Each structure stands twice: as C-alpha cells, then as structure tokens.
Protein backbone atom coordinates (compact mmCIF):
# COMPACT_ATOMS: atom_id res chain seq x y z
CA MET A 1 8.72 -10.35 19.36
CA THR A 2 5.46 -11.72 17.56
CA TYR A 3 2.52 -9.86 18.61
CA GLN A 4 0.04 -11.94 20.65
CA PRO A 5 -3.47 -10.34 21.55
CA LEU A 6 -3.30 -8.88 25.27
CA SER A 7 -6.34 -10.21 27.37
CA TRP A 8 -8.52 -7.83 27.87
CA GLY A 9 -11.08 -9.49 25.80
CA ILE A 10 -11.89 -7.32 22.78
CA ALA A 11 -12.77 -9.78 19.74
CA GLY A 12 -14.81 -9.49 16.62
CA GLY A 13 -15.95 -6.43 14.63
CA ASP A 14 -15.16 -5.24 11.03
CA GLU A 15 -11.55 -4.12 10.22
CA MET A 16 -12.63 -0.81 9.30
CA ASP A 17 -14.55 -0.27 12.47
CA GLN A 18 -12.11 2.55 14.68
CA THR A 19 -14.99 2.93 17.11
CA GLN A 20 -14.58 0.49 20.13
CA SER A 21 -14.50 2.55 23.09
CA ASP A 22 -12.81 -0.21 25.17
CA THR A 23 -9.51 -0.11 23.31
CA LYS A 24 -6.71 -0.36 25.62
CA GLU A 25 -3.62 1.84 25.16
CA LEU A 26 -0.86 0.11 23.55
CA HIS A 27 3.05 0.83 23.66
CA LEU A 28 5.27 -0.05 21.04
CA SER A 29 9.06 -0.08 21.72
CA GLY A 30 12.22 -1.26 19.60
CA GLY A 31 12.80 -2.12 16.33
CA GLU A 32 12.85 1.48 14.52
CA PRO A 33 13.30 1.05 10.81
CA PRO A 34 16.24 2.96 9.12
CA LEU A 35 16.12 6.09 8.78
CA THR A 36 18.78 8.73 7.17
CA ALA A 37 18.88 12.27 8.26
CA ASP A 38 17.66 13.40 5.03
CA LEU A 39 14.36 11.19 4.97
CA ALA A 40 13.61 12.01 8.67
CA ALA A 41 13.73 15.85 7.82
CA ILE A 42 10.72 15.26 5.70
CA MET A 43 9.44 11.58 6.97
CA PRO A 44 10.09 12.14 10.77
CA ALA A 45 9.41 9.36 12.94
CA ALA A 46 6.21 9.41 14.89
CA PRO A 47 6.12 7.06 17.88
CA ALA A 48 2.80 8.75 19.56
CA LEU A 49 1.05 8.33 16.26
CA MET A 50 2.21 4.72 15.82
CA ASP A 51 1.09 4.22 19.73
CA ARG A 52 -2.40 5.17 19.02
CA LEU A 53 -2.73 3.21 15.42
CA VAL A 54 -1.64 0.01 17.51
CA SER A 55 -4.11 0.79 20.10
CA GLU A 56 -6.63 1.22 17.32
CA PHE A 57 -5.65 -1.79 15.56
CA ALA A 58 -5.90 -4.15 18.64
CA PRO A 59 -9.58 -5.77 18.48
CA THR A 60 -8.97 -6.56 14.59
CA ALA A 61 -5.38 -7.77 15.77
CA ALA A 62 -7.85 -10.32 17.88
CA THR A 63 -9.41 -11.55 14.60
CA LEU A 64 -6.66 -12.58 12.67
CA SER A 65 -6.21 -16.26 12.12
CA THR A 66 -2.53 -16.28 12.69
CA GLN A 67 -0.78 -13.74 15.00
CA GLN A 68 2.55 -14.77 12.28
CA ALA A 69 0.51 -12.22 10.40
CA TYR A 70 -0.09 -9.13 12.78
CA TRP A 71 2.71 -6.83 11.02
CA ALA A 72 1.42 -7.67 7.70
CA GLY A 73 -2.27 -7.09 8.96
CA LEU A 74 -1.22 -3.76 10.85
CA ASN A 75 0.15 -2.37 7.93
CA GLY A 76 -2.59 -3.18 5.53
CA TRP A 77 -4.96 -1.75 8.17
CA MET A 78 -3.19 1.21 8.42
CA THR A 79 -2.82 2.28 4.78
CA ASP A 80 -6.74 2.07 4.63
CA ARG A 81 -6.89 3.71 8.28
CA LEU A 82 -4.85 6.73 6.80
CA SER A 83 -6.16 7.19 3.33
CA GLY A 84 -9.72 7.99 4.56
CA PRO A 85 -9.10 11.07 6.14
CA ILE A 86 -6.38 11.85 3.32
CA MET A 87 -9.16 11.38 0.33
CA GLU A 88 -11.72 13.23 2.50
CA GLY A 89 -9.86 16.29 2.51
CA LYS A 90 -8.79 15.88 6.33
CA VAL A 91 -4.86 15.73 6.22
CA THR A 92 -2.33 18.59 5.45
CA ALA A 93 1.09 18.40 3.95
CA ASP A 94 2.60 19.11 7.42
CA GLU A 95 0.99 15.64 8.44
CA VAL A 96 1.67 13.60 5.61
CA GLY A 97 5.30 13.14 6.54
CA GLU A 98 4.65 11.20 9.90
CA GLN A 99 1.87 9.42 8.52
CA ALA A 100 4.18 8.05 5.80
CA TRP A 101 6.71 7.11 8.06
CA ALA A 102 4.33 4.99 9.89
CA ILE A 103 3.54 3.34 6.58
CA TYR A 104 7.33 2.63 5.85
CA ALA A 105 7.62 1.28 9.42
CA THR A 106 4.91 -1.35 9.35
CA SER A 107 6.07 -2.45 5.74
CA CYS A 108 9.58 -2.89 7.27
CA TRP A 109 8.22 -5.08 10.25
CA GLY A 110 6.02 -6.70 7.75
CA GLY A 111 8.76 -7.78 5.67
CA MET A 112 10.96 -8.79 8.81
CA GLU A 113 7.63 -11.16 10.04
CA LEU A 114 7.83 -12.56 6.58
CA ARG A 115 11.61 -13.58 6.64
CA GLU A 116 11.77 -14.67 10.33
CA HIS A 117 8.83 -17.21 9.85
CA TRP A 118 9.07 -18.50 6.42
CA GLY A 119 12.77 -17.08 5.16
CA MET A 120 13.92 -15.16 2.11
CA PRO A 121 10.93 -15.25 -0.52
CA PRO A 122 12.52 -16.52 -3.63
CA ALA A 123 10.96 -13.40 -5.40
CA LEU A 124 14.27 -11.34 -4.78
CA LYS A 125 16.26 -14.14 -6.75
CA ASN A 126 13.33 -14.24 -9.58
CA LEU A 127 14.05 -10.19 -10.44
CA GLY A 128 17.82 -11.13 -10.63
CA MET A 129 18.65 -8.00 -8.52
CA THR A 130 21.85 -7.49 -6.40
CA PRO A 131 19.82 -6.36 -2.73
CA PRO A 132 21.17 -3.51 -1.00
CA LYS A 133 22.60 -3.85 2.43
CA PRO A 134 21.90 -2.31 5.73
CA PRO A 135 21.39 0.60 6.46
CA PHE A 136 20.08 0.82 2.94
CA PRO A 137 21.03 4.71 2.03
CA GLU A 138 20.07 4.19 -1.66
CA VAL A 139 16.86 3.05 -0.60
CA GLN A 140 16.12 5.83 1.57
CA GLN A 141 17.34 8.19 -0.89
CA GLY A 142 14.76 7.08 -3.39
CA ILE A 143 11.93 7.67 -0.87
CA VAL A 144 13.72 11.37 -0.13
CA LEU A 145 13.59 12.07 -3.84
CA LEU A 146 9.95 11.16 -4.57
CA LEU A 147 8.51 12.48 -1.45
CA THR A 148 10.66 16.01 -1.64
CA GLN A 149 8.87 16.20 -5.34
CA ARG A 150 5.59 15.58 -3.85
CA LEU A 151 5.66 17.81 -0.87
CA ALA A 152 6.96 20.75 -2.99
CA ALA A 153 3.96 20.64 -5.16
CA LEU A 154 1.69 20.21 -2.16
CA ARG A 155 3.26 23.01 -0.39
CA SER A 156 2.90 25.30 -3.81
CA GLY A 157 -0.66 24.47 -4.18
CA GLY A 158 -3.23 22.60 -6.18
CA GLN A 159 -1.97 24.05 -9.51
CA ALA A 160 1.20 22.60 -8.82
CA CYS A 161 -0.01 19.47 -7.99
CA LEU A 162 -2.22 19.50 -11.22
CA GLU A 163 1.23 19.89 -13.08
CA LEU A 164 2.96 17.03 -11.15
CA LEU A 165 -0.15 14.44 -11.77
CA PRO A 166 0.80 13.53 -15.09
CA SER A 167 4.35 12.51 -14.59
CA ILE A 168 3.16 10.66 -11.08
CA LEU A 169 0.75 8.66 -13.38
CA ARG A 170 3.24 7.45 -15.72
CA GLU A 171 5.72 6.03 -13.03
CA ALA A 172 6.26 2.75 -14.19
CA SER A 173 6.82 1.57 -10.44
CA THR A 174 4.95 0.84 -7.32
CA SER A 175 5.69 4.89 -6.69
CA GLY A 176 3.16 5.26 -9.49
CA PRO A 177 -0.90 4.84 -8.79
CA ILE A 178 -1.17 2.89 -11.90
CA HIS A 179 1.34 0.44 -11.79
CA GLY A 180 1.18 0.23 -7.83
CA VAL A 181 -2.46 -0.91 -8.21
CA GLY A 182 -2.01 -3.12 -11.14
CA TYR A 183 0.65 -5.10 -9.27
CA ASN A 184 -0.60 -5.42 -6.24
CA ALA A 185 -4.05 -6.29 -7.05
CA GLY A 186 -2.47 -8.49 -9.99
CA VAL A 187 -0.17 -10.41 -7.00
CA GLN A 188 -3.50 -11.37 -5.43
CA VAL A 189 -4.76 -12.96 -8.42
CA VAL A 190 -1.50 -14.70 -9.35
CA LYS A 191 -1.92 -16.45 -5.70
CA THR A 192 -5.53 -17.46 -6.05
CA GLU A 193 -6.39 -18.07 -9.43
CA ASP A 194 -5.70 -21.00 -12.12
CA PRO A 195 -3.71 -20.68 -15.14
CA PRO A 196 -3.67 -18.84 -17.39
CA ILE A 197 -4.62 -15.79 -15.57
CA GLY A 198 -3.00 -17.08 -12.54
CA GLN A 199 -0.42 -19.76 -10.63
CA ARG A 200 -2.60 -21.21 -7.85
CA ARG A 201 -0.49 -24.15 -6.04
CA PRO A 202 -2.51 -27.05 -5.93
CA HIS A 203 -2.57 -27.49 -2.30
CA ARG A 204 -4.10 -23.94 -1.81
CA GLN A 205 -7.84 -23.73 -1.65
CA PRO A 206 -9.59 -22.34 -4.90
CA LYS A 207 -10.52 -18.80 -4.33
CA PRO A 208 -12.12 -17.75 -7.47
CA ALA A 209 -12.51 -13.60 -7.91
CA VAL A 210 -11.31 -12.94 -4.50
CA VAL A 211 -9.59 -9.98 -6.46
CA ARG A 212 -10.75 -9.61 -9.95
CA ILE A 213 -8.25 -7.21 -12.07
CA ASN A 214 -7.03 -7.75 -15.67
CA GLY A 215 -4.95 -5.89 -18.22
CA ARG A 216 -7.94 -5.37 -20.30
CA ASP A 217 -9.90 -3.33 -18.15
CA PHE A 218 -8.27 -0.25 -17.35
CA LEU A 219 -7.98 0.51 -13.60
CA ARG A 220 -10.59 -1.93 -12.75
CA VAL A 221 -10.59 -3.96 -9.43
CA ASP A 222 -13.06 -5.74 -7.60
CA TYR A 223 -12.26 -7.11 -4.42
CA ASP A 224 -14.15 -9.95 -2.21
CA ARG A 225 -14.40 -7.07 0.56
CA PRO A 226 -16.42 -4.55 1.73
CA THR A 227 -15.43 -1.18 0.09
CA PRO A 228 -14.79 1.81 2.02
CA GLN A 229 -16.69 4.74 1.30
CA TYR A 230 -14.01 7.33 0.49
CA LEU A 231 -13.24 4.95 -2.37
CA LYS A 232 -16.90 4.71 -3.34
CA VAL A 233 -16.88 8.38 -3.84
CA TRP A 234 -13.77 8.42 -5.86
CA ARG A 235 -15.04 5.50 -8.10
CA SER A 236 -18.27 7.76 -8.69
CA ALA A 237 -16.61 10.74 -9.30
CA PHE A 238 -14.09 9.19 -11.41
CA GLU A 239 -16.89 7.60 -13.68
CA ARG A 240 -18.80 10.96 -13.98
CA ALA A 241 -15.68 12.86 -15.35
CA VAL A 242 -14.64 10.13 -17.76
CA THR A 243 -18.27 10.03 -18.84
CA ALA A 244 -18.33 13.73 -19.02
CA HIS A 245 -15.43 14.12 -20.90
CA PRO A 246 -14.37 11.19 -23.03
CA ASP A 247 -12.02 12.79 -25.30
CA ALA A 248 -9.97 14.27 -22.51
CA TYR A 249 -9.69 10.79 -20.92
CA GLU A 250 -8.64 9.28 -23.96
CA LYS A 251 -6.00 12.37 -24.59
CA LEU A 252 -4.51 11.73 -20.72
CA LEU A 253 -4.37 7.57 -21.38
CA ALA A 254 -2.49 7.90 -24.54
CA GLY A 255 -0.03 10.65 -23.47
CA GLU A 256 2.07 13.06 -25.41
CA GLU A 257 4.46 11.97 -28.39
CA GLY A 258 7.23 9.73 -26.83
CA GLU A 259 4.90 9.24 -23.66
CA THR A 260 3.64 5.37 -22.80
CA ASP A 261 0.30 4.72 -22.66
CA LEU A 262 -1.10 4.22 -19.28
CA ARG A 263 -3.30 1.54 -20.66
CA GLU A 264 0.29 -0.07 -21.29
CA ILE A 265 1.66 0.47 -17.86
CA TRP A 266 -1.55 -1.15 -16.17
CA LYS A 267 -1.15 -3.85 -18.61
CA SER A 268 2.51 -4.68 -17.53
CA ALA A 269 2.06 -4.31 -13.89
CA VAL A 270 -0.87 -6.86 -13.92
CA ALA A 271 1.07 -9.15 -15.38
CA PHE A 272 4.41 -8.22 -13.04
CA GLY A 273 3.29 -10.50 -10.51
CA ASN A 274 3.80 -13.53 -12.24
CA THR A 275 7.67 -12.88 -11.90
CA THR A 276 7.73 -12.40 -8.34
CA TRP A 277 5.02 -14.00 -6.25
CA GLY A 278 4.03 -16.79 -8.70
CA GLY A 279 5.16 -20.57 -8.55
CA ASP A 280 6.75 -22.01 -5.56
CA SER A 281 7.19 -18.42 -3.56
CA GLN A 282 4.55 -19.13 -1.19
CA ASP A 283 4.72 -22.73 -0.65
CA VAL A 284 6.18 -22.72 2.69
CA TRP A 285 3.30 -20.51 3.98
CA THR A 286 0.82 -21.92 6.36
CA ASP A 287 -2.76 -21.80 5.00
CA ALA A 288 -3.58 -19.36 7.76
CA TYR A 289 -0.77 -16.60 6.55
CA TRP A 290 -1.78 -16.97 2.74
CA GLU A 291 -5.31 -15.91 3.75
CA GLU A 292 -4.30 -13.07 5.75
CA THR A 293 -2.03 -11.74 2.76
CA ILE A 294 -4.84 -11.76 0.37
CA ARG A 295 -6.73 -10.14 2.87
CA TRP A 296 -4.56 -6.91 3.79
CA SER A 297 -3.21 -6.80 0.55
CA SER A 298 -6.62 -6.38 -0.91
CA ILE A 299 -6.90 -3.73 2.09
CA LEU A 300 -3.80 -1.93 1.19
CA THR A 301 -4.91 -1.12 -2.39
CA PHE A 302 -7.82 0.82 -1.35
CA GLY A 303 -6.12 3.89 -0.90
CA MET A 304 -3.87 3.51 -3.98
CA GLU A 305 -6.82 3.17 -5.97
CA ALA A 306 -8.36 6.21 -4.42
CA ALA A 307 -5.41 8.18 -5.36
CA GLY A 308 -5.19 7.15 -8.87
CA LEU A 309 -8.96 7.81 -9.48
CA ALA A 310 -8.64 11.06 -7.90
CA ALA A 311 -5.64 11.88 -10.15
CA PHE A 312 -7.79 11.26 -13.24
CA VAL A 313 -10.79 13.23 -11.90
CA ALA A 314 -8.21 16.02 -11.33
CA LEU A 315 -6.69 16.14 -14.42
CA ILE A 316 -9.78 15.71 -16.81
CA ASN A 317 -11.89 18.42 -14.38
CA GLN A 318 -8.66 20.22 -13.99
CA ASP A 319 -9.87 19.95 -10.29
CA SER A 320 -7.05 21.55 -8.00
CA GLU A 321 -8.58 20.34 -4.93
CA ALA A 322 -8.87 16.68 -6.19
CA ALA A 323 -5.05 16.74 -7.70
CA THR A 324 -3.93 17.70 -3.96
CA LEU A 325 -5.68 15.07 -2.65
CA ALA A 326 -4.23 12.39 -4.82
CA VAL A 327 -0.77 14.20 -4.40
CA LEU A 328 -1.17 13.33 -0.69
CA CYS A 329 -2.41 9.97 -0.68
CA ASN A 330 0.42 9.15 -3.38
CA ALA A 331 2.85 10.53 -0.72
CA LEU A 332 1.48 8.28 2.04
CA TYR A 333 2.38 5.22 0.00
CA LEU A 334 6.14 5.88 -0.94
CA GLY A 335 7.50 4.00 1.84
CA ALA A 336 5.60 1.17 1.56
CA THR A 337 7.18 -1.19 -0.99
CA PRO A 338 10.65 0.16 -0.05
CA GLY A 339 9.92 -0.62 3.45
CA TRP A 340 9.05 -4.34 2.84
CA LEU A 341 12.46 -4.37 0.83
CA VAL A 342 14.36 -3.08 3.72
CA GLY A 343 12.32 -5.35 5.98
CA LEU A 344 13.35 -8.59 4.21
CA LEU A 345 16.76 -7.77 4.12
CA ASN A 346 17.70 -6.21 7.54
CA VAL A 347 18.21 -9.35 9.36
CA ASP A 348 20.20 -7.88 12.05
CA GLU A 349 17.27 -5.96 13.14
CA LYS A 350 14.47 -7.50 15.65
CA LEU A 351 10.58 -6.56 15.67
CA PRO A 352 9.12 -4.38 18.01
CA GLU A 353 7.56 -5.48 21.61
CA ILE A 354 4.20 -4.15 22.21
CA THR A 355 2.83 -3.30 26.05
CA GLN A 356 -0.21 -1.94 27.68
CA ALA A 357 0.52 1.58 28.28
C-alpha cells in the first residue's frame, strides 16, 4: 500500500523539525522484513519505536512532492533523526539494535517501493551479481557478523572501540564510513552533474553542485541543504584534530604496510556510483521521485559522515568517548544497504499499511 497523508491538515516545516505538537499517533502493520533468529537476537524488531517515528515523520511526509517516495523519505529522515542523539552521546549499545532494525526495515520498504513503481533497477544487472533469494539468509548473516563485532566492542568499552575503528574505516563497502559516504554522495553527483563528473540525463533539470563531492578532497561533502548541528560539531572537531596533529592524520590515512590508503578507498567509492546508478538506470522515474531521492539520499549521508569524522577524531586524539559514538553510529547503518537490496528482490512481500492509532 502506498502511504497517503491523513487528513488532519499538518503541512510545511523543515524535515528536521520534530517539535510539531499536533502530530497524530499512527500505527504501522504488515510488511515485516525478513529477520532470522540470529539477526533478531541482536537487532530485534521494534514496532513501538517504528510507530513513534512514523508519527513524527507525518508532517514531513505531507511535504513530499510525490507519495511514491514515502518510504524512501521515511528511511532518509529516520537515519538523520536517529544519528543526532547517537552523536550527542544519548544512545547506548543496548538501544542501538532496535534502531538499526528500524533503518533496515525502512530500507527494505524503500527498495520495495522503488521496484513496485519503477521496476527492477538495471543497476543490479550492471553489477553482474547473482541475486540472493528470499528469505535472504546470506544477506542477513552478513549484518549479523558486522553488528556482533560492533556490539562486542561497544560493550567492552571505549578502548575496544578505538582498537576496532581502523579496520572499520578500511571496509571497502557501504558498511565502512569512508566508502559509505563516498558512494552514497557520489551517486547524487552521477544523477545530477554533466560529464565528465556525472551522467545527468538530458530530460533531467540541471542541478549544479546540489551535492559536491570528488575523489580529490578526502571526506569532503557539501550539500545544498541545511546541515544538522551534530554534523557541524563533528566537522569542527575533525578540523581541530587534523590541524593539531597533521602527522597522526597522515599516518592514519596511509595505514600500515600492506593496507590500502584511505584516500584510495574514498576515490574508488566516489567513482563507483557511475557503475550502478548512471546511464539509463533512472530514466523511468518521474521528476518528482528523482528529486526526492536526491533530497533523502543527501540527508541519509549526514549520520554516515558524522560517524566517519568522529572515527578520525577518536583515533587522532585517542579519545575513547568519540570512538564509542563512531562505532554506535556506524552500527546504526549496517542494515541500510542490505535492506534496500532485500526490498528490491523481495517480490512476494507487500508494503506495510499505516493507519491512525
């Protein structure tokens, strides 16, 4: 079922504003994403949390240019909504599992929404992959392995998080904050910029620098959107740490002998979007859906960037508190990309229904 705004007249407002006092309570039913026992043990379903977040999102949902982007919007909004308290030190390891499930679930629904309206993206064929099949045990087990690792470090303390962060930074997939930010922001450049930096299609409106990112400027992303306070705080902390300790920063980038330089991971991630969401991969989307994906994919990157910046602050300053926050926020996102894949391929499942509680 495609969500349609309920008729209590909420409208307008910034997508980050959760202060609407007249928000009605909503209830979500059906559409539960695949969840093995092993994954449920560390990332349990949290329907009450989902209902609260869906209710908070309602004022923003009313501003969407198309309700065909409802689940993509909820997913992007939710990553930012949950990342802020994490990066402000207000979330514990015992809470992040349920929050990660909420991101995983809405990612699944975003993928289902995309497929239902626009068909299976050519991106999957472009990657040359053999698609996994329901109930996607191998995809879920991949989340289990990574989340178990993060939770073990979090429960052991800040020092364990400091020891884990170097390997997290060098994960050359969307589970790592360097690759994750570079790829996700890079995809927006692919969709919106002309060659040689992007592959904007002729029928799409030019959107110069709506997201600015390149392979030269490491971990530098500019968004044509208001920047949340928590991201500003960690950008500032990153600049202070790098300026005060340039040698430590360079050593961290270069890595140990035999390790891949983080700048190379960044560069390849930025370029990778050209192989997945370039060319005709979005030609069938309406302009409204195309615009909303740029909006929410940019917002989704906020928390990923904050986690990456905090990881550098932690390692350069040997700051165990920053390390804990970086690992927590990274854990929040571990089901995001796998969830979108599951949603795209889970052709027999239906989207949830939303009703007023």
